[in-house]
Protein backbone atom coordinates (compact mmCIF):
# COMPACT_ATOMS: atom_id res chain seq x y z
CA MET A 1 -0.04 -0.05 -0.12
CA ASN A 2 1.27 3.42 -0.81
CA ASP A 3 2.32 5.33 2.36
CA LYS A 4 0.56 8.31 1.49
CA THR A 5 -2.78 6.69 1.86
CA SER A 6 -2.19 6.27 5.65
CA ARG A 7 -1.59 9.91 6.14
CA ARG A 8 -3.96 11.81 8.42
CA THR A 9 -7.23 13.01 6.64
CA GLN A 10 -6.30 10.67 3.50
CA SER A 11 -9.10 8.11 4.06
CA LEU A 12 -12.45 7.38 5.66
CA SER A 13 -13.64 4.28 7.44
CA ARG A 14 -16.05 2.15 5.53
CA GLU A 15 -18.89 3.17 8.12
CA ASP A 16 -18.17 6.84 7.59
CA MET A 17 -18.06 6.35 3.52
CA ILE A 18 -21.48 4.54 3.67
CA ALA A 19 -22.90 7.53 5.65
CA LEU A 20 -21.18 10.20 3.25
CA LEU A 21 -22.63 8.32 0.09
CA ALA A 22 -26.26 8.21 1.81
CA VAL A 23 -26.03 12.12 2.48
CA SER A 24 -24.65 12.53 -1.09
CA ARG A 25 -27.72 10.71 -2.39
CA ARG A 26 -30.06 12.67 -0.15
CA GLU A 27 -31.21 9.59 1.44
CA ARG A 28 -30.05 10.54 4.67
CA PRO A 29 -29.91 13.85 6.65
CA ALA A 30 -26.66 15.83 6.48
CA ASP A 31 -24.82 16.63 9.77
CA VAL A 32 -24.45 20.23 8.67
CA ILE A 33 -25.85 22.20 5.72
CA ILE A 34 -24.39 25.58 4.70
CA GLU A 35 -27.15 27.59 2.79
CA ASN A 36 -27.11 31.07 1.29
CA VAL A 37 -23.66 30.54 0.24
CA ARG A 38 -21.47 30.64 -2.97
CA ILE A 39 -18.44 28.75 -3.54
CA LEU A 40 -15.30 30.23 -4.90
CA ASP A 41 -13.96 27.89 -7.87
CA VAL A 42 -10.45 27.90 -7.20
CA ILE A 43 -9.72 25.52 -10.35
CA ASN A 44 -11.80 27.36 -13.00
CA GLY A 45 -12.37 30.82 -11.49
CA GLY A 46 -15.75 32.27 -10.80
CA ASP A 47 -18.38 31.02 -8.29
CA ILE A 48 -20.23 27.74 -7.75
CA PRO A 49 -23.77 28.04 -6.22
CA GLY A 50 -24.36 26.42 -2.91
CA PRO A 51 -25.38 24.77 -0.48
CA ILE A 52 -22.80 22.73 0.98
CA VAL A 53 -23.81 19.64 2.67
CA ILE A 54 -21.64 17.82 5.24
CA SER A 55 -21.37 14.31 6.52
CA GLY A 56 -19.22 13.88 9.63
CA GLU A 57 -15.98 15.67 8.74
CA SER A 58 -16.36 15.39 5.00
CA VAL A 59 -18.29 17.33 2.17
CA ALA A 60 -20.89 15.19 0.90
CA GLY A 61 -22.13 17.39 -2.05
CA ILE A 62 -22.46 20.91 -3.21
CA GLY A 63 -24.99 22.89 -5.54
CA PRO A 64 -28.68 23.47 -6.06
CA ASP A 65 -29.49 19.63 -5.97
CA TYR A 66 -29.12 20.05 -2.20
CA GLU A 67 -31.52 23.04 -1.88
CA GLY A 68 -33.64 22.40 1.13
CA ALA A 69 -31.86 19.05 2.07
CA PRO A 70 -32.71 17.79 5.60
CA ALA A 71 -29.69 18.38 8.10
CA ILE A 72 -29.22 18.29 11.84
CA GLU A 73 -27.50 21.65 11.73
CA ARG A 74 -28.40 24.53 9.49
CA ILE A 75 -25.78 27.41 8.97
CA ASP A 76 -27.12 30.53 7.06
CA ALA A 77 -23.93 31.93 5.50
CA GLY A 78 -25.65 35.27 4.76
CA GLY A 79 -24.47 35.44 1.27
CA ALA A 80 -20.86 34.68 2.17
CA VAL A 81 -18.38 33.27 -0.22
CA ALA A 82 -16.80 29.78 0.85
CA VAL A 83 -13.08 29.05 0.13
CA PRO A 84 -10.99 26.10 1.17
CA GLY A 85 -9.14 26.36 4.46
CA PHE A 86 -5.69 27.77 4.00
CA ILE A 87 -2.50 25.65 4.24
CA ASP A 88 0.83 27.15 5.71
CA ALA A 89 3.24 24.95 3.46
CA HIS A 90 6.23 25.38 5.67
CA LEU A 91 6.87 26.68 9.17
CA HIS A 92 8.55 25.98 12.56
CA ILE A 93 5.92 26.35 15.32
CA GLU A 94 8.90 26.81 17.92
CA SER A 95 9.80 30.07 16.12
CA SER A 96 6.43 31.51 16.88
CA MET A 97 7.45 30.84 20.69
CA MET A 98 3.92 29.32 21.04
CA THR A 99 2.94 25.75 21.92
CA PRO A 100 1.27 24.00 19.12
CA MET A 101 -2.01 24.41 21.05
CA ALA A 102 -1.39 28.10 21.46
CA PHE A 103 -0.38 28.39 17.75
CA GLU A 104 -3.60 26.70 16.93
CA SER A 105 -5.75 28.99 18.93
CA ALA A 106 -4.12 31.93 17.12
CA THR A 107 -4.24 30.81 13.70
CA LEU A 108 -7.05 28.48 13.18
CA PRO A 109 -9.63 31.29 13.54
CA LEU A 110 -7.69 33.13 10.70
CA GLY A 111 -8.64 30.24 8.40
CA VAL A 112 -5.37 28.25 8.51
CA THR A 113 -6.78 24.85 8.81
CA SER A 114 -3.60 23.05 7.89
CA ILE A 115 -0.06 23.39 8.63
CA VAL A 116 3.27 21.52 7.49
CA CYS A 117 5.81 22.02 10.20
CA ASP A 118 9.49 20.98 10.61
CA PRO A 119 10.15 20.68 14.48
CA HIS A 120 13.89 20.71 13.86
CA GLU A 121 14.34 23.73 16.46
CA ILE A 122 13.21 21.47 19.34
CA ILE A 123 14.86 18.54 18.08
CA ASN A 124 18.18 20.23 17.89
CA VAL A 125 17.67 21.09 21.47
CA MET A 126 16.17 17.90 23.19
CA GLY A 127 16.08 15.31 20.26
CA GLU A 128 13.06 12.76 20.04
CA GLU A 129 11.49 14.05 23.35
CA GLY A 130 10.69 17.32 21.44
CA LEU A 131 9.40 15.61 18.36
CA GLU A 132 7.15 13.34 20.24
CA TRP A 133 5.64 16.17 22.15
CA PHE A 134 4.77 17.64 18.80
CA LEU A 135 3.30 14.49 17.71
CA ARG A 136 1.17 14.06 20.81
CA CYS A 137 -0.01 17.74 20.17
CA ALA A 138 -0.86 17.09 16.62
CA GLU A 139 -2.98 14.05 17.55
CA GLN A 140 -5.34 16.18 19.71
CA ALA A 141 -5.42 19.29 17.33
CA GLN A 142 -8.57 20.26 15.49
CA GLN A 143 -6.11 21.99 12.90
CA ASN A 144 -4.22 19.54 10.71
CA GLN A 145 -0.91 19.69 12.13
CA PHE A 146 1.36 17.74 9.83
CA ILE A 147 5.06 17.09 10.37
CA GLN A 148 8.01 16.75 7.95
CA ILE A 149 10.83 14.60 9.69
CA SER A 150 13.76 16.83 10.23
CA SER A 151 16.68 16.18 7.97
CA CYS A 152 19.60 18.05 9.28
CA VAL A 153 20.04 17.88 12.93
CA PRO A 154 22.59 19.62 13.44
CA ALA A 155 21.90 22.05 10.47
CA LEU A 156 25.49 21.35 9.23
CA ALA A 157 27.66 18.81 10.92
CA GLY A 158 30.94 20.20 12.49
CA SER A 159 29.87 23.79 12.31
CA ASP A 160 28.12 24.15 15.81
CA VAL A 161 27.50 22.32 18.95
CA ASN A 162 23.80 21.27 19.52
CA GLY A 163 21.83 19.17 22.01
CA ALA A 164 20.97 16.08 20.34
CA GLU A 165 21.73 13.84 17.19
CA PHE A 166 18.96 12.63 14.95
CA PRO A 167 20.60 10.17 12.61
CA LEU A 168 18.47 8.21 9.86
CA GLU A 169 17.95 5.26 12.02
CA ARG A 170 15.85 7.15 14.50
CA MET A 171 14.40 9.21 11.77
CA LEU A 172 12.79 6.07 10.29
CA ARG A 173 10.96 5.24 13.41
CA TYR A 174 8.55 8.20 12.58
CA ARG A 175 8.55 7.79 8.83
CA ASN A 176 5.17 6.11 8.83
CA HIS A 177 3.38 8.09 11.50
CA PRO A 178 0.01 9.33 10.11
CA HIS A 179 1.00 13.00 10.91
CA VAL A 180 4.21 12.59 8.99
CA LEU A 181 4.35 13.76 5.16
CA GLY A 182 8.03 13.44 4.35
CA LEU A 183 11.55 14.78 4.80
CA ALA A 184 11.88 18.32 6.05
CA GLU A 185 14.30 20.86 4.54
CA MET A 186 17.47 19.50 3.36
CA MET A 187 19.81 22.53 4.35
CA ASP A 188 23.00 20.75 3.75
CA TYR A 189 22.88 21.28 -0.01
CA PRO A 190 26.53 21.00 -0.72
CA ALA A 191 26.33 17.53 0.52
CA VAL A 192 23.33 16.68 -1.78
CA ILE A 193 24.99 18.21 -4.80
CA ALA A 194 28.21 16.19 -4.06
CA GLY A 195 26.34 13.04 -3.74
CA ASP A 196 27.17 12.27 -0.10
CA ALA A 197 26.31 8.74 0.79
CA ALA A 198 24.77 9.47 4.26
CA THR A 199 22.64 12.29 2.63
CA LEU A 200 21.36 10.24 -0.30
CA ASP A 201 20.52 7.65 2.23
CA LYS A 202 18.14 9.91 3.77
CA LEU A 203 16.72 11.06 0.65
CA ASP A 204 16.21 7.39 -0.48
CA ALA A 205 14.42 6.59 2.71
CA PHE A 206 11.87 9.14 2.21
CA ARG A 207 11.75 9.10 -1.60
CA ASP A 208 8.11 8.15 -1.80
CA LEU A 209 6.97 10.89 0.36
CA THR A 210 7.77 14.73 -0.09
CA LEU A 211 11.32 15.97 0.02
CA ASP A 212 11.70 19.53 1.17
CA GLY A 213 14.42 21.82 0.06
CA HIS A 214 16.48 24.75 1.34
CA CYS A 215 18.74 26.39 -1.34
CA PRO A 216 18.93 30.19 -0.95
CA MET A 217 20.64 31.84 -4.10
CA LEU A 218 21.61 28.39 -5.70
CA SER A 219 21.61 28.51 -9.41
CA GLY A 220 23.13 27.06 -12.66
CA LYS A 221 24.41 23.40 -12.58
CA SER A 222 24.31 23.42 -8.70
CA LEU A 223 20.68 24.03 -8.74
CA ASN A 224 20.23 21.41 -11.32
CA ALA A 225 22.03 18.93 -9.27
CA TYR A 226 19.98 19.68 -6.24
CA ILE A 227 16.87 19.12 -7.98
CA ALA A 228 18.09 16.07 -9.74
CA ALA A 229 18.73 14.44 -6.29
CA GLY A 230 14.77 14.50 -5.91
CA ILE A 231 14.40 17.74 -3.73
CA GLU A 232 10.82 19.06 -4.63
CA ASN A 233 10.53 22.69 -3.23
CA CYS A 234 12.32 25.69 -1.63
CA HIS A 235 11.21 28.31 0.66
CA GLU A 236 14.46 30.36 0.76
CA THR A 237 13.87 32.13 -2.53
CA LEU A 238 14.87 35.78 -2.29
CA ALA A 239 14.46 37.29 -5.97
CA ALA A 240 12.22 36.94 -8.89
CA GLU A 241 14.93 35.59 -11.15
CA GLU A 242 16.01 32.97 -8.68
CA GLY A 243 12.21 31.88 -8.27
CA ARG A 244 11.68 31.90 -12.01
CA GLU A 245 14.80 29.58 -12.51
CA LYS A 246 13.52 27.22 -9.86
CA LEU A 247 10.12 27.05 -11.28
CA SER A 248 11.39 26.47 -14.84
CA LEU A 249 13.47 23.41 -13.46
CA GLY A 250 10.30 21.91 -11.97
CA MET A 251 10.85 22.77 -8.34
CA ALA A 252 7.93 24.05 -6.42
CA LEU A 253 7.98 27.63 -5.02
CA MET A 254 7.23 28.37 -1.53
CA ILE A 255 6.59 31.99 -1.11
CA ARG A 256 7.57 33.15 2.44
CA GLU A 257 6.46 35.99 4.42
CA GLY A 258 7.63 35.55 7.92
CA SER A 259 8.35 38.25 10.71
CA ALA A 260 12.03 38.74 9.53
CA ALA A 261 12.30 37.26 6.24
CA ARG A 262 9.89 38.78 3.89
CA ASN A 263 9.76 37.57 0.20
CA LEU A 264 6.34 38.30 -0.96
CA ASN A 265 7.14 41.53 -2.54
CA ALA A 266 9.95 39.93 -4.61
CA LEU A 267 8.04 36.81 -5.50
CA ALA A 268 4.48 37.73 -5.86
CA PRO A 269 4.89 38.83 -9.69
CA LEU A 270 5.77 35.14 -10.44
CA VAL A 271 2.26 33.84 -9.35
CA THR A 272 0.24 33.43 -12.49
CA GLU A 273 -2.45 31.12 -13.73
CA PHE A 274 0.03 28.99 -15.29
CA SER A 275 2.52 28.83 -12.45
CA SER A 276 0.16 28.75 -9.55
CA PRO A 277 -0.01 24.97 -9.28
CA GLN A 278 3.75 25.01 -8.46
CA CYS A 279 3.37 28.06 -5.98
CA MET A 280 2.54 27.80 -2.26
CA LEU A 281 2.50 30.22 0.62
CA CYS A 282 4.33 29.74 3.98
CA THR A 283 5.51 31.66 6.99
CA ASP A 284 8.37 29.78 8.23
CA ASP A 285 8.89 31.86 11.18
CA ARG A 286 6.18 34.25 12.32
CA ASN A 287 5.57 35.38 15.97
CA PRO A 288 2.20 35.96 17.77
CA TRP A 289 2.89 39.86 17.68
CA GLU A 290 2.90 39.78 13.77
CA ILE A 291 0.06 37.18 13.76
CA ALA A 292 -2.09 39.57 16.02
CA HIS A 293 -1.22 42.60 14.06
CA GLU A 294 -0.98 41.57 10.53
CA GLY A 295 -2.45 38.19 10.27
CA HIS A 296 -1.13 34.97 8.77
CA ILE A 297 -1.77 33.34 5.51
CA ASP A 298 -4.65 35.71 5.10
CA SER A 299 -2.46 38.49 5.05
CA MET A 300 -0.57 37.02 2.02
CA ILE A 301 -3.68 36.35 0.21
CA ARG A 302 -4.91 39.85 0.84
CA ARG A 303 -1.66 41.44 -0.52
CA LEU A 304 -1.62 38.98 -3.53
CA ILE A 305 -5.06 40.27 -4.61
CA GLN A 306 -4.88 43.91 -3.67
CA GLN A 307 -1.27 44.78 -4.19
CA TYR A 308 -0.22 42.54 -7.09
CA HIS A 309 -3.72 42.08 -8.77
CA VAL A 310 -3.58 38.23 -8.81
CA ALA A 311 -7.04 36.88 -9.53
CA PRO A 312 -8.96 35.87 -6.33
CA HIS A 313 -9.30 32.24 -7.44
CA VAL A 314 -5.38 32.12 -8.12
CA ALA A 315 -4.72 33.66 -4.86
CA TYR A 316 -6.84 31.33 -2.75
CA ARG A 317 -5.56 28.35 -4.94
CA VAL A 318 -1.96 28.95 -3.86
CA ALA A 319 -3.17 29.14 -0.18
CA SER A 320 -5.03 25.85 -0.54
CA TRP A 321 -5.40 23.29 -3.49
CA SER A 322 -1.51 23.90 -4.59
CA PRO A 323 0.01 22.79 -1.38
CA ALA A 324 -2.53 19.95 -0.87
CA GLN A 325 -1.61 18.61 -4.31
CA HIS A 326 2.26 19.16 -3.61
CA PHE A 327 2.09 17.11 -0.32
CA GLY A 328 -0.33 14.44 -1.68
CA LEU A 329 -3.13 15.46 0.54
CA ARG A 330 -5.91 14.40 -1.61
CA ARG A 331 -8.58 15.14 0.73
CA LEU A 332 -7.66 18.67 1.24
CA GLY A 333 -7.69 21.86 -0.62
CA LEU A 334 -10.87 21.87 -2.34
CA ILE A 335 -14.56 22.41 -1.43
CA ALA A 336 -15.68 19.34 -3.39
CA PRO A 337 -17.33 16.01 -2.79
CA GLY A 338 -15.26 13.70 -0.59
CA LYS A 339 -12.96 16.57 0.57
CA LYS A 340 -12.54 17.20 4.24
CA ALA A 341 -14.81 20.02 5.19
CA ASP A 342 -12.19 22.70 5.83
CA ILE A 343 -14.02 25.78 4.93
CA VAL A 344 -13.50 29.63 5.41
CA LEU A 345 -16.60 31.75 4.93
CA LEU A 346 -15.92 35.19 3.80
CA ASP A 347 -17.97 38.38 3.84
CA ASP A 348 -15.41 39.89 1.45
CA VAL A 349 -13.18 37.78 -0.84
CA ARG A 350 -10.70 40.68 -1.71
CA GLN A 351 -10.40 41.92 1.86
CA VAL A 352 -10.31 38.36 3.15
CA LYS A 353 -12.80 39.22 5.84
CA ILE A 354 -13.58 36.06 7.70
CA ARG A 355 -17.15 35.44 8.97
CA ARG A 356 -16.67 31.75 10.11
CA VAL A 357 -14.08 28.97 9.93
CA ILE A 358 -15.20 25.37 9.78
CA ALA A 359 -12.48 22.61 10.33
CA GLY A 360 -13.44 19.04 9.87
CA GLY A 361 -17.26 19.87 9.65
CA ARG A 362 -17.17 21.66 12.92
CA THR A 363 -17.48 25.36 13.43
CA VAL A 364 -14.33 26.88 15.01
CA GLU A 365 -15.06 28.59 18.21
CA PRO A 366 -12.08 30.97 18.84
CA GLU A 367 -13.02 31.55 22.47
CA GLN A 368 -13.28 27.79 23.34
CA LEU A 369 -9.92 27.18 21.61
CA ARG A 370 -8.25 30.00 23.88
CA ASP A 371 -10.07 28.79 27.00
CA GLY A 372 -9.17 25.27 26.42
CA CYS A 373 -5.58 25.78 25.51
CA ALA A 374 -3.98 25.32 29.04
CA SER A 375 -5.81 22.17 29.77
CA ARG A 376 -4.93 20.74 26.25
CA GLN A 377 -1.31 21.89 26.86
CA ALA A 378 -1.12 20.15 30.31
CA ALA A 379 -2.66 16.92 28.84
CA SER A 380 0.23 16.95 26.14
CA ASN A 381 2.87 16.58 28.97
CA PRO A 382 5.13 19.44 27.64
CA PRO A 383 8.95 18.89 28.41
CA LEU A 384 9.41 21.75 30.94
CA HIS A 385 12.83 20.85 32.40
CA ASN A 386 15.74 23.30 32.10
CA THR A 387 17.85 22.50 29.01
CA ILE A 388 20.63 25.19 29.61
CA ASP A 389 23.70 23.79 31.10
CA ARG A 390 26.25 26.70 31.27
CA HIS A 391 28.26 28.43 33.94
CA PRO A 392 27.67 32.15 34.25
CA LEU A 393 29.86 34.60 32.29
CA SER A 394 31.81 37.62 33.22
CA ALA A 395 32.09 40.77 31.23
CA GLN A 396 35.83 39.86 30.58
CA ASP A 397 34.53 36.54 28.94
CA LEU A 398 32.65 38.66 26.29
CA THR A 399 35.36 41.18 25.47
CA LEU A 400 36.71 40.84 21.99
CA PRO A 401 40.37 42.19 22.09
CA LEU A 402 40.94 44.64 19.19
CA GLN A 403 44.21 46.05 18.05
CA ALA A 404 44.73 49.41 16.44
CA GLY A 405 45.45 49.47 12.66
CA LYS A 406 43.74 45.80 12.20
CA HIS A 407 40.99 45.01 9.92
CA TYR A 408 38.16 42.70 11.07
CA HIS A 409 35.27 40.65 9.54
CA ALA A 410 32.02 42.12 10.65
CA ILE A 411 28.60 40.26 9.99
CA GLN A 412 26.55 43.02 8.05
CA ILE A 413 22.77 42.79 8.59
CA VAL A 414 20.30 42.96 5.53
CA ALA A 415 17.13 44.32 6.93
CA ASN A 416 14.24 41.78 6.63
CA GLU A 417 16.25 39.18 5.27
CA LEU A 418 18.14 36.20 6.79
CA ILE A 419 21.15 36.56 4.50
CA THR A 420 24.19 38.71 5.60
CA HIS A 421 27.17 40.07 4.01
CA ASN A 422 30.61 39.89 5.09
CA LEU A 423 32.17 43.49 5.86
CA ASP A 424 35.81 44.41 6.24
CA VAL A 425 36.15 47.17 9.06
CA ALA A 426 39.28 48.71 10.47
CA TRP A 427 39.70 49.64 14.12
CA ASP A 428 41.94 52.89 14.76
CA GLY A 429 42.10 52.24 18.53
CA LYS A 430 39.13 54.27 19.40
CA ARG A 431 36.53 53.65 16.67
CA PHE A 432 35.66 51.69 13.61
CA ASP A 433 35.70 53.13 9.98
CA SER A 434 32.02 51.85 9.39
CA PRO A 435 29.12 53.27 11.58
CA ASP A 436 26.78 51.09 13.59
CA ILE A 437 29.09 48.29 14.85
CA SER A 438 28.11 46.19 17.91
CA ARG A 439 29.68 43.32 19.66
CA ILE A 440 28.07 39.86 19.16
CA ALA A 441 28.84 36.64 21.17
CA VAL A 442 27.51 33.13 20.98
CA MET A 443 27.96 30.59 23.83
CA GLU A 444 27.34 26.84 23.75
CA ARG A 445 24.56 25.93 26.09
CA TYR A 446 24.99 22.06 26.36
CA GLY A 447 27.25 21.49 29.20
CA LYS A 448 30.60 21.81 27.28
CA ASN A 449 31.20 25.34 28.74
CA LEU A 450 33.22 26.21 25.62
CA PRO A 451 34.73 29.83 25.50
CA PRO A 452 32.33 32.28 23.92
CA ALA A 453 32.76 32.85 20.19
CA LEU A 454 33.16 36.58 19.82
CA GLY A 455 32.48 38.77 16.69
CA LEU A 456 31.33 42.09 15.27
CA LEU A 457 28.01 42.98 13.79
CA GLN A 458 27.07 45.96 11.50
CA GLY A 459 23.60 47.34 10.86
CA PHE A 460 21.69 46.24 14.02
CA GLY A 461 21.23 49.92 15.13
CA LEU A 462 22.01 49.15 18.83
CA THR A 463 23.70 52.16 20.53
CA LYS A 464 23.38 50.98 24.10
CA GLY A 465 22.66 48.20 26.36
CA ALA A 466 22.30 44.48 25.27
CA MET A 467 19.93 41.98 24.03
CA ALA A 468 20.24 38.17 24.49
CA ALA A 469 18.25 35.03 23.49
CA SER A 470 18.43 31.40 23.68
CA VAL A 471 16.82 31.27 20.29
CA SER A 472 19.43 30.94 17.56
CA HIS A 473 18.75 28.96 14.62
CA ASP A 474 19.22 25.91 14.51
CA SER A 475 21.50 24.70 17.44
CA HIS A 476 20.00 27.41 19.73
CA ASN A 477 22.86 28.28 21.58
CA LEU A 478 22.96 31.60 23.63
CA VAL A 479 23.37 34.73 21.64
CA VAL A 480 23.91 38.22 22.66
CA ILE A 481 24.46 41.60 20.97
CA GLY A 482 25.58 44.77 22.82
CA GLN A 483 27.93 47.59 23.17
CA ASN A 484 28.85 47.03 26.90
CA ALA A 485 30.24 43.76 27.95
CA ALA A 486 29.06 43.95 31.52
CA GLU A 487 25.44 44.51 30.28
CA MET A 488 26.05 41.48 27.74
CA ALA A 489 27.00 39.29 30.57
CA LEU A 490 23.93 40.52 32.87
CA ALA A 491 21.64 39.64 29.92
CA VAL A 492 23.00 36.24 29.22
CA ASN A 493 23.25 35.25 32.75
CA ARG A 494 19.45 35.90 33.13
CA LEU A 495 18.85 33.44 30.59
CA ILE A 496 21.13 30.81 32.07
CA SER A 497 19.63 31.15 35.47
CA GLY A 498 15.96 31.11 34.02
CA GLY A 499 16.20 28.29 31.56
CA GLY A 500 16.29 30.52 28.44
CA GLY A 501 14.22 33.34 26.84
CA LEU A 502 14.66 36.75 25.37
CA CYS A 503 16.05 39.66 27.50
CA VAL A 504 16.91 43.19 27.00
CA VAL A 505 19.26 45.06 29.36
CA TYR A 506 20.25 48.73 29.55
CA ASP A 507 21.22 51.03 32.40
CA GLY A 508 22.69 48.10 34.10
CA GLU A 509 19.22 46.49 34.77
CA VAL A 510 17.08 43.98 33.02
CA GLN A 511 14.24 45.95 31.31
CA SER A 512 12.32 43.22 29.56
CA HIS A 513 12.39 39.56 29.91
CA LEU A 514 10.30 36.74 28.20
CA PRO A 515 10.87 33.38 29.73
CA LEU A 516 10.90 30.48 27.28
CA PRO A 517 10.86 27.42 29.70
CA ILE A 518 10.19 24.73 26.94
CA ALA A 519 13.60 24.03 25.40
CA GLY A 520 14.49 27.72 25.83
CA LEU A 521 12.45 28.22 22.73
CA VAL A 522 8.77 27.91 23.57
CA SER A 523 6.49 29.91 26.32
CA ASP A 524 3.84 28.14 28.04
CA ARG A 525 1.83 31.21 28.05
CA SER A 526 -1.30 32.21 25.62
CA ALA A 527 -0.74 33.88 22.22
CA ALA A 528 -2.08 37.12 23.54
CA GLU A 529 0.42 37.03 26.66
CA ILE A 530 3.41 36.30 24.36
CA ALA A 531 2.41 39.22 21.93
CA ASP A 532 2.12 41.75 24.89
CA ALA A 533 5.73 40.33 25.93
CA ILE A 534 6.92 40.87 22.40
CA ASP A 535 5.60 44.49 22.52
CA SER A 536 7.61 45.13 25.80
CA LEU A 537 10.66 43.70 24.33
CA LYS A 538 10.35 45.69 21.09
CA ALA A 539 9.86 48.82 23.06
CA ALA A 540 13.15 48.19 25.10
CA CYS A 541 15.07 47.40 21.96
CA ARG A 542 13.88 50.82 20.42
CA THR A 543 15.30 52.43 23.55
CA CYS A 544 18.57 50.75 22.95
CA GLY A 545 18.52 52.24 19.32
CA VAL A 546 17.46 49.17 17.40
CA THR A 547 15.46 50.05 14.35
CA LEU A 548 14.80 46.62 12.67
CA ASP A 549 11.24 45.48 12.78
CA GLU A 550 12.07 42.15 14.26
CA PRO A 551 15.29 42.22 16.20
CA PHE A 552 15.12 39.12 17.97
CA ILE A 553 14.01 37.09 14.84
CA GLN A 554 16.73 38.74 12.79
CA MET A 555 19.28 37.99 15.63
CA ALA A 556 18.26 34.34 15.76
CA PHE A 557 19.45 33.62 12.34
CA LEU A 558 23.00 35.17 12.81
CA SER A 559 24.09 31.76 14.06
CA LEU A 560 22.65 29.56 11.27
CA PRO A 561 25.60 28.39 9.11
CA VAL A 562 23.49 27.36 6.10
CA ILE A 563 22.27 30.74 4.94
CA PRO A 564 25.01 33.10 3.31
CA SER A 565 27.23 34.71 3.81
CA LEU A 566 28.74 35.12 7.24
CA LYS A 567 27.66 33.71 10.43
CA LEU A 568 28.83 33.41 14.14
CA THR A 569 28.25 29.81 15.68
CA SER A 570 29.32 28.66 19.16
CA LEU A 571 32.52 27.38 17.45
CA GLY A 572 33.49 30.63 15.58
CA LEU A 573 32.98 32.81 12.51
CA PHE A 574 31.83 30.76 9.59
CA ASP A 575 32.05 31.79 6.10
CA VAL A 576 28.94 30.09 4.44
CA THR A 577 30.01 30.84 0.82
CA ARG A 578 32.98 28.48 1.32
CA PHE A 579 31.71 26.32 4.31
CA HIS A 580 34.57 26.88 6.60
CA PHE A 581 35.73 28.75 9.70
CA ILE A 582 37.62 31.86 9.36
CA GLU A 583 39.47 34.24 11.80
CA THR A 584 37.82 37.29 12.96
CA THR A 585 40.93 39.51 11.84
CA VAL A 586 41.02 39.90 8.01
């Protein structure tokens, strides 16, 4: 039997199928009928008249043949337009700093009925314990929470210290789980291109499922080789020409609009009637503040229609049917007979004004989701033990020695992007020849107590104080940025003593702090409470001079050695263009 038939949502029991067919024939009352509704046809364009009849969690039929059909529950849609539930094609729930239950309570009412997540953040910290918690959460969720099995833990072998190994023999334990759709982003693209035996073993083991990619700025023969290995998609595309090349070579394009990495403006022009089956929407890393203030997949659809004049049926197609087809989710992505009844009712298609969300035939009750979040969270048995094993640090530990007349490599920030540049800066004994230089340090947190890796950073805007985090992709060591070594030490030591979090220090005191007790990555608070804490952190960062929209998310990627071009891991300064460590001095 094809493994994809055993995935969640893919099949009905014989009993449910018999009931569904009876409702389709109008020989049995529907569980739910949605009346006074039109259905957006995401395949042909235009509208299909209602009603929509539902049996159990599935659509039994649509159209005028079901006018006045008997039903246990009748929903008057008030002339609303029904569209398929939205699918986020790639994200890391941990990067929202919410538990899967809090994430569901924040995004399901916004129409996100399905997500495809890669839990490699928590696996890097605590291994299978984190993955198994995610699977427990997915099993109780009303939202379809699918998981890709993390392919690169650590992200790049030998480039950093992380908390766990996740080799192929352990990955295979989860391959046939009903919530698993395939292999998560293969970040070590040089190993793929080179035909590394261990890397090809992973691809071969998941080849009949979906193989996710990760190849920023890759092109030409290298991109050809990466795709030839079987990689099917990429969410790290930064420019239109890059996206066009990937599409032309058969790779699916995941258009990302996260909190820090924002690629919709660059890639939206590529979404056409022709290309849309190969285009999907994703958020990758989006925090609850952004979700509360901007939205989620709904905000991307809105911008596609309003800013880029994408036809509504195409905009909604890339948010539903296209990812469902890509991941082999045959019962998702359409409002059609036999499909899962994941439906968003809209008062305004162009504004994406949501009246009601229906997931698996049941109306989503936002207040009930929020009110029940804590009890569902407790029932999932979250791993709340402290994962930070590090001696406190002193100001001396975090002081980078500089010599007058020397040139140094500095990581140069690119605002709202995850890529960085390698900047040559000179020190004359008092100041640098480039403005806006901060100190950065990364400290291993897994009990080895290695000396901090020290470096320079340009473009962060920080003029005083320090900010520290236990979120630093993908190994999630401690990272701190500052102008004052004593305040940098104060910020880091607060995280060491508290089990992780985000922290801002200035004037010699901790000014704002968000604890993250689950793996140093995730809060056990509600989405609204986390959003409020992020408001406080952002305000404190602005007081320190930081002008970036999402400073903590931008900071979290300064340690990721698989996105060009210069990063700082707990082992030192890493040149991503040549995949090796370099000295701080030029």
